Amino acid sequence: MIKQAMILAAGMGSRMLHLTKDIPKPMVVVDGMSLIERHFHYLLKSDIRKIVINTYYKAEILENFIMGLSVAKNFEIHFSRERELLGTAGGVKNALNLLGKEAFFCYQY
């Protein structure tokens, strides 16, 4: 059974600029809940306990927001902060040291 996930959250959300000018896309609120919090609730129900999240755009804001979520306390969370935007495959490759050799689910915004 898969017990870990990677959330690709490094992108700049440029197609949603009116919403992401000041915050990263995973923090956008839809129907009263941020997109990333919604993912956490789904992963919790799926018995995932380790999450690796890559960050780049407004990384510190996103990381602080995530660690302040009450649902985040249910997970072992690791951040893979990119110094330059690496794209989907690059982001996953960059985080493999945190994921190890076990299978993982991958989510992208």
N, C-alpha and C. Protein backbone atom coordinates (compact mmCIF):
# COMPACT_ATOMS: atom_id res chain seq x y z
N MET A 1 0.84 -1.18 0.00
CA MET A 1 0.00 0.00 0.00
C MET A 1 0.88 1.25 0.00
N ILE A 2 0.51 2.21 -0.82
CA ILE A 2 1.28 3.45 -0.93
C ILE A 2 1.00 4.33 0.30
N LYS A 3 2.07 4.81 0.91
CA LYS A 3 1.94 5.60 2.15
C LYS A 3 2.50 7.01 2.05
N GLN A 4 2.92 7.42 0.85
CA GLN A 4 3.49 8.76 0.70
C GLN A 4 3.02 9.40 -0.59
N ALA A 5 3.11 10.72 -0.62
CA ALA A 5 2.68 11.47 -1.80
C ALA A 5 3.62 12.65 -2.01
N MET A 6 3.68 13.08 -3.26
CA MET A 6 4.39 14.31 -3.60
C MET A 6 3.37 15.27 -4.18
N ILE A 7 3.40 16.49 -3.70
CA ILE A 7 2.56 17.55 -4.24
C ILE A 7 3.47 18.54 -4.95
N LEU A 8 3.23 18.69 -6.25
CA LEU A 8 4.02 19.63 -7.06
C LEU A 8 3.39 21.01 -6.92
N ALA A 9 4.02 21.86 -6.13
CA ALA A 9 3.45 23.16 -5.79
C ALA A 9 4.41 24.31 -6.06
N ALA A 10 5.37 24.11 -6.95
CA ALA A 10 6.41 25.11 -7.18
C ALA A 10 6.02 26.16 -8.21
N GLY A 11 5.04 25.85 -9.05
CA GLY A 11 4.70 26.73 -10.17
C GLY A 11 4.26 28.12 -9.74
N MET A 12 4.26 29.03 -10.71
CA MET A 12 3.97 30.43 -10.44
C MET A 12 2.49 30.78 -10.62
N GLY A 13 1.70 29.86 -11.10
CA GLY A 13 0.28 30.14 -11.26
C GLY A 13 0.00 31.29 -12.20
N SER A 14 0.80 31.42 -13.24
CA SER A 14 0.72 32.59 -14.12
C SER A 14 -0.61 32.71 -14.86
N ARG A 15 -1.27 31.60 -15.14
CA ARG A 15 -2.57 31.68 -15.82
C ARG A 15 -3.67 32.17 -14.89
N MET A 16 -3.38 32.20 -13.60
CA MET A 16 -4.36 32.66 -12.61
C MET A 16 -3.84 33.92 -11.90
N LEU A 17 -3.11 34.74 -12.63
CA LEU A 17 -2.40 35.87 -12.04
C LEU A 17 -3.26 36.75 -11.15
N HIS A 18 -4.52 36.95 -11.51
CA HIS A 18 -5.36 37.78 -10.66
C HIS A 18 -5.57 37.16 -9.28
N LEU A 19 -5.38 35.84 -9.16
CA LEU A 19 -5.51 35.16 -7.87
C LEU A 19 -4.16 34.87 -7.22
N THR A 20 -3.10 34.78 -8.03
CA THR A 20 -1.81 34.33 -7.52
C THR A 20 -0.73 35.41 -7.50
N LYS A 21 -1.13 36.64 -7.67
CA LYS A 21 -0.15 37.73 -7.64
C LYS A 21 0.53 37.82 -6.27
N ASP A 22 -0.26 37.61 -5.21
CA ASP A 22 0.26 37.76 -3.86
C ASP A 22 0.45 36.45 -3.11
N ILE A 23 -0.15 35.37 -3.59
CA ILE A 23 -0.05 34.08 -2.92
C ILE A 23 0.20 32.97 -3.94
N PRO A 24 0.83 31.88 -3.52
CA PRO A 24 1.00 30.73 -4.41
C PRO A 24 -0.35 30.06 -4.71
N LYS A 25 -0.46 29.46 -5.86
CA LYS A 25 -1.71 28.83 -6.29
C LYS A 25 -2.28 27.83 -5.27
N PRO A 26 -1.47 27.01 -4.60
CA PRO A 26 -2.04 26.07 -3.63
C PRO A 26 -2.78 26.73 -2.48
N MET A 27 -2.56 28.03 -2.26
CA MET A 27 -3.24 28.75 -1.19
C MET A 27 -4.56 29.37 -1.64
N VAL A 28 -4.87 29.30 -2.93
CA VAL A 28 -6.13 29.85 -3.43
C VAL A 28 -7.28 29.12 -2.75
N VAL A 29 -8.25 29.89 -2.29
CA VAL A 29 -9.40 29.33 -1.57
C VAL A 29 -10.55 29.13 -2.54
N VAL A 30 -11.11 27.92 -2.50
CA VAL A 30 -12.29 27.57 -3.28
C VAL A 30 -13.31 27.00 -2.31
N ASP A 31 -14.47 27.58 -2.28
CA ASP A 31 -15.55 27.11 -1.41
C ASP A 31 -15.10 27.00 0.05
N GLY A 32 -14.35 28.01 0.50
CA GLY A 32 -13.98 28.10 1.91
C GLY A 32 -12.74 27.33 2.34
N MET A 33 -12.05 26.69 1.41
CA MET A 33 -10.86 25.91 1.78
C MET A 33 -9.78 26.07 0.71
N SER A 34 -8.54 26.19 1.15
CA SER A 34 -7.43 26.30 0.19
C SER A 34 -7.28 24.98 -0.57
N LEU A 35 -6.73 25.10 -1.78
CA LEU A 35 -6.53 23.92 -2.61
C LEU A 35 -5.63 22.89 -1.93
N ILE A 36 -4.57 23.35 -1.29
CA ILE A 36 -3.64 22.40 -0.66
C ILE A 36 -4.27 21.74 0.55
N GLU A 37 -5.06 22.46 1.30
CA GLU A 37 -5.73 21.86 2.46
C GLU A 37 -6.70 20.77 1.99
N ARG A 38 -7.36 21.02 0.88
CA ARG A 38 -8.27 20.03 0.30
C ARG A 38 -7.51 18.74 -0.05
N HIS A 39 -6.30 18.91 -0.62
CA HIS A 39 -5.47 17.74 -0.91
C HIS A 39 -5.10 16.99 0.37
N PHE A 40 -4.76 17.72 1.41
CA PHE A 40 -4.38 17.08 2.68
C PHE A 40 -5.52 16.23 3.22
N HIS A 41 -6.73 16.74 3.18
CA HIS A 41 -7.88 15.97 3.68
C HIS A 41 -8.09 14.70 2.87
N TYR A 42 -7.93 14.80 1.56
CA TYR A 42 -8.05 13.63 0.71
C TYR A 42 -6.95 12.61 1.03
N LEU A 43 -5.72 13.08 1.18
CA LEU A 43 -4.61 12.19 1.48
C LEU A 43 -4.78 11.53 2.85
N LEU A 44 -5.30 12.26 3.81
CA LEU A 44 -5.55 11.70 5.14
C LEU A 44 -6.55 10.55 5.05
N LYS A 45 -7.62 10.74 4.29
CA LYS A 45 -8.61 9.67 4.10
C LYS A 45 -8.03 8.48 3.36
N SER A 46 -6.99 8.72 2.57
CA SER A 46 -6.34 7.66 1.79
C SER A 46 -5.21 6.98 2.56
N ASP A 47 -5.07 7.32 3.83
CA ASP A 47 -4.07 6.72 4.71
C ASP A 47 -2.63 7.07 4.32
N ILE A 48 -2.45 8.20 3.66
CA ILE A 48 -1.11 8.72 3.36
C ILE A 48 -0.62 9.46 4.60
N ARG A 49 0.63 9.25 4.97
CA ARG A 49 1.15 9.92 6.17
C ARG A 49 2.42 10.73 5.92
N LYS A 50 3.04 10.55 4.76
CA LYS A 50 4.24 11.33 4.43
C LYS A 50 3.97 12.09 3.15
N ILE A 51 4.26 13.40 3.18
CA ILE A 51 4.06 14.24 2.02
C ILE A 51 5.33 15.05 1.75
N VAL A 52 5.76 15.01 0.50
CA VAL A 52 6.87 15.84 0.04
C VAL A 52 6.26 16.90 -0.88
N ILE A 53 6.59 18.15 -0.63
CA ILE A 53 6.02 19.26 -1.41
C ILE A 53 7.17 20.08 -1.99
N ASN A 54 7.18 20.22 -3.32
CA ASN A 54 8.20 21.09 -3.89
C ASN A 54 7.66 22.52 -3.92
N THR A 55 8.53 23.46 -3.66
CA THR A 55 8.14 24.87 -3.61
C THR A 55 9.16 25.70 -4.38
N TYR A 56 8.69 26.83 -4.88
CA TYR A 56 9.56 27.79 -5.55
C TYR A 56 8.93 29.17 -5.42
N TYR A 57 7.80 29.39 -6.09
CA TYR A 57 7.15 30.69 -6.10
C TYR A 57 6.58 31.00 -4.72
N LYS A 58 7.08 32.09 -4.14
CA LYS A 58 6.66 32.50 -2.79
C LYS A 58 6.75 31.33 -1.81
N ALA A 59 7.88 30.61 -1.90
CA ALA A 59 8.08 29.37 -1.14
C ALA A 59 7.90 29.54 0.36
N GLU A 60 8.48 30.57 0.93
CA GLU A 60 8.40 30.74 2.38
C GLU A 60 6.96 30.98 2.83
N ILE A 61 6.22 31.76 2.06
CA ILE A 61 4.81 32.01 2.38
C ILE A 61 4.03 30.70 2.37
N LEU A 62 4.23 29.90 1.33
CA LEU A 62 3.51 28.63 1.20
C LEU A 62 3.90 27.65 2.31
N GLU A 63 5.18 27.53 2.58
CA GLU A 63 5.63 26.59 3.60
C GLU A 63 5.08 26.97 4.98
N ASN A 64 5.10 28.25 5.31
CA ASN A 64 4.54 28.70 6.60
C ASN A 64 3.04 28.46 6.66
N PHE A 65 2.35 28.71 5.57
CA PHE A 65 0.91 28.48 5.51
C PHE A 65 0.60 27.00 5.76
N ILE A 66 1.31 26.13 5.07
CA ILE A 66 1.09 24.69 5.20
C ILE A 66 1.31 24.24 6.64
N MET A 67 2.41 24.66 7.24
CA MET A 67 2.71 24.21 8.60
C MET A 67 1.73 24.78 9.63
N GLY A 68 1.00 25.82 9.25
CA GLY A 68 -0.02 26.38 10.14
C GLY A 68 -1.38 25.72 10.01
N LEU A 69 -1.55 24.85 9.04
CA LEU A 69 -2.83 24.15 8.87
C LEU A 69 -2.98 23.07 9.93
N SER A 70 -4.13 23.01 10.57
CA SER A 70 -4.32 21.99 11.61
C SER A 70 -4.22 20.58 11.04
N VAL A 71 -4.67 20.36 9.82
CA VAL A 71 -4.62 19.03 9.21
C VAL A 71 -3.17 18.59 8.94
N ALA A 72 -2.25 19.54 8.82
CA ALA A 72 -0.85 19.22 8.53
C ALA A 72 -0.20 18.42 9.66
N LYS A 73 -0.74 18.53 10.86
CA LYS A 73 -0.16 17.82 12.00
C LYS A 73 -0.32 16.30 11.89
N ASN A 74 -1.13 15.85 10.95
CA ASN A 74 -1.34 14.42 10.74
C ASN A 74 -0.29 13.78 9.82
N PHE A 75 0.62 14.60 9.31
CA PHE A 75 1.56 14.13 8.31
C PHE A 75 3.01 14.42 8.70
N GLU A 76 3.89 13.64 8.12
CA GLU A 76 5.31 13.94 8.12
C GLU A 76 5.51 14.72 6.82
N ILE A 77 5.81 16.02 6.93
CA ILE A 77 5.89 16.89 5.75
C ILE A 77 7.34 17.30 5.52
N HIS A 78 7.75 17.17 4.25
CA HIS A 78 9.09 17.59 3.83
C HIS A 78 8.93 18.56 2.66
N PHE A 79 9.76 19.58 2.64
CA PHE A 79 9.75 20.54 1.53
C PHE A 79 11.00 20.35 0.69
N SER A 80 10.80 20.40 -0.60
CA SER A 80 11.90 20.35 -1.56
C SER A 80 11.89 21.71 -2.28
N ARG A 81 12.62 22.67 -1.71
CA ARG A 81 12.62 24.03 -2.26
C ARG A 81 13.56 24.11 -3.46
N GLU A 82 13.03 24.59 -4.56
CA GLU A 82 13.81 24.71 -5.78
C GLU A 82 14.44 26.10 -5.87
N ARG A 83 15.69 26.16 -6.26
CA ARG A 83 16.38 27.45 -6.43
C ARG A 83 16.03 28.07 -7.76
N GLU A 84 15.66 27.22 -8.71
CA GLU A 84 15.14 27.66 -10.00
C GLU A 84 13.99 26.71 -10.33
N LEU A 85 13.05 27.18 -11.09
CA LEU A 85 11.89 26.36 -11.43
C LEU A 85 12.34 25.20 -12.31
N LEU A 86 12.07 23.97 -11.86
CA LEU A 86 12.60 22.78 -12.53
C LEU A 86 11.59 22.07 -13.42
N GLY A 87 10.34 22.46 -13.39
CA GLY A 87 9.32 21.77 -14.17
C GLY A 87 8.87 20.50 -13.46
N THR A 88 7.92 19.81 -14.06
CA THR A 88 7.32 18.64 -13.42
C THR A 88 8.34 17.54 -13.15
N ALA A 89 8.98 17.04 -14.20
CA ALA A 89 9.93 15.93 -14.03
C ALA A 89 11.13 16.36 -13.19
N GLY A 90 11.60 17.57 -13.40
CA GLY A 90 12.74 18.07 -12.62
C GLY A 90 12.40 18.20 -11.15
N GLY A 91 11.19 18.64 -10.86
CA GLY A 91 10.76 18.75 -9.47
C GLY A 91 10.70 17.41 -8.77
N VAL A 92 10.18 16.41 -9.48
CA VAL A 92 10.12 15.05 -8.91
C VAL A 92 11.54 14.51 -8.72
N LYS A 93 12.36 14.63 -9.73
CA LYS A 93 13.74 14.13 -9.64
C LYS A 93 14.48 14.79 -8.48
N ASN A 94 14.30 16.09 -8.32
CA ASN A 94 14.96 16.84 -7.26
C ASN A 94 14.54 16.37 -5.86
N ALA A 95 13.34 15.81 -5.74
CA ALA A 95 12.80 15.40 -4.44
C ALA A 95 12.99 13.91 -4.15
N LEU A 96 13.58 13.16 -5.06
CA LEU A 96 13.70 11.72 -4.87
C LEU A 96 14.47 11.35 -3.61
N ASN A 97 15.42 12.18 -3.22
CA ASN A 97 16.17 11.90 -1.99
C ASN A 97 15.26 11.93 -0.76
N LEU A 98 14.17 12.69 -0.82
CA LEU A 98 13.21 12.76 0.29
C LEU A 98 12.17 11.65 0.21
N LEU A 99 11.93 11.15 -0.99
CA LEU A 99 10.91 10.11 -1.20
C LEU A 99 11.46 8.70 -1.03
N GLY A 100 12.73 8.53 -1.25
CA GLY A 100 13.33 7.20 -1.13
C GLY A 100 12.90 6.30 -2.28
N LYS A 101 12.90 5.01 -2.04
CA LYS A 101 12.62 4.04 -3.08
C LYS A 101 11.18 3.53 -3.06
N GLU A 102 10.39 3.98 -2.11
CA GLU A 102 9.00 3.53 -2.01
C GLU A 102 8.13 4.25 -3.04
N ALA A 103 7.06 3.60 -3.45
CA ALA A 103 6.11 4.20 -4.39
C ALA A 103 5.44 5.42 -3.75
N PHE A 104 4.96 6.33 -4.60
CA PHE A 104 4.28 7.51 -4.08
C PHE A 104 3.25 8.00 -5.10
N PHE A 105 2.21 8.65 -4.58
CA PHE A 105 1.26 9.35 -5.43
C PHE A 105 1.85 10.71 -5.76
N CYS A 106 1.48 11.27 -6.90
CA CYS A 106 1.98 12.57 -7.30
C CYS A 106 0.81 13.45 -7.72
N TYR A 107 0.72 14.65 -7.16
CA TYR A 107 -0.33 15.61 -7.45
C TYR A 107 0.30 16.86 -8.01
N GLN A 108 -0.34 17.42 -9.02
CA GLN A 108 0.17 18.66 -9.63
C GLN A 108 -0.95 19.68 -9.70
N TYR A 109 -0.59 20.94 -9.48
CA TYR A 109 -1.56 22.02 -9.63
C TYR A 109 -1.56 22.53 -11.03
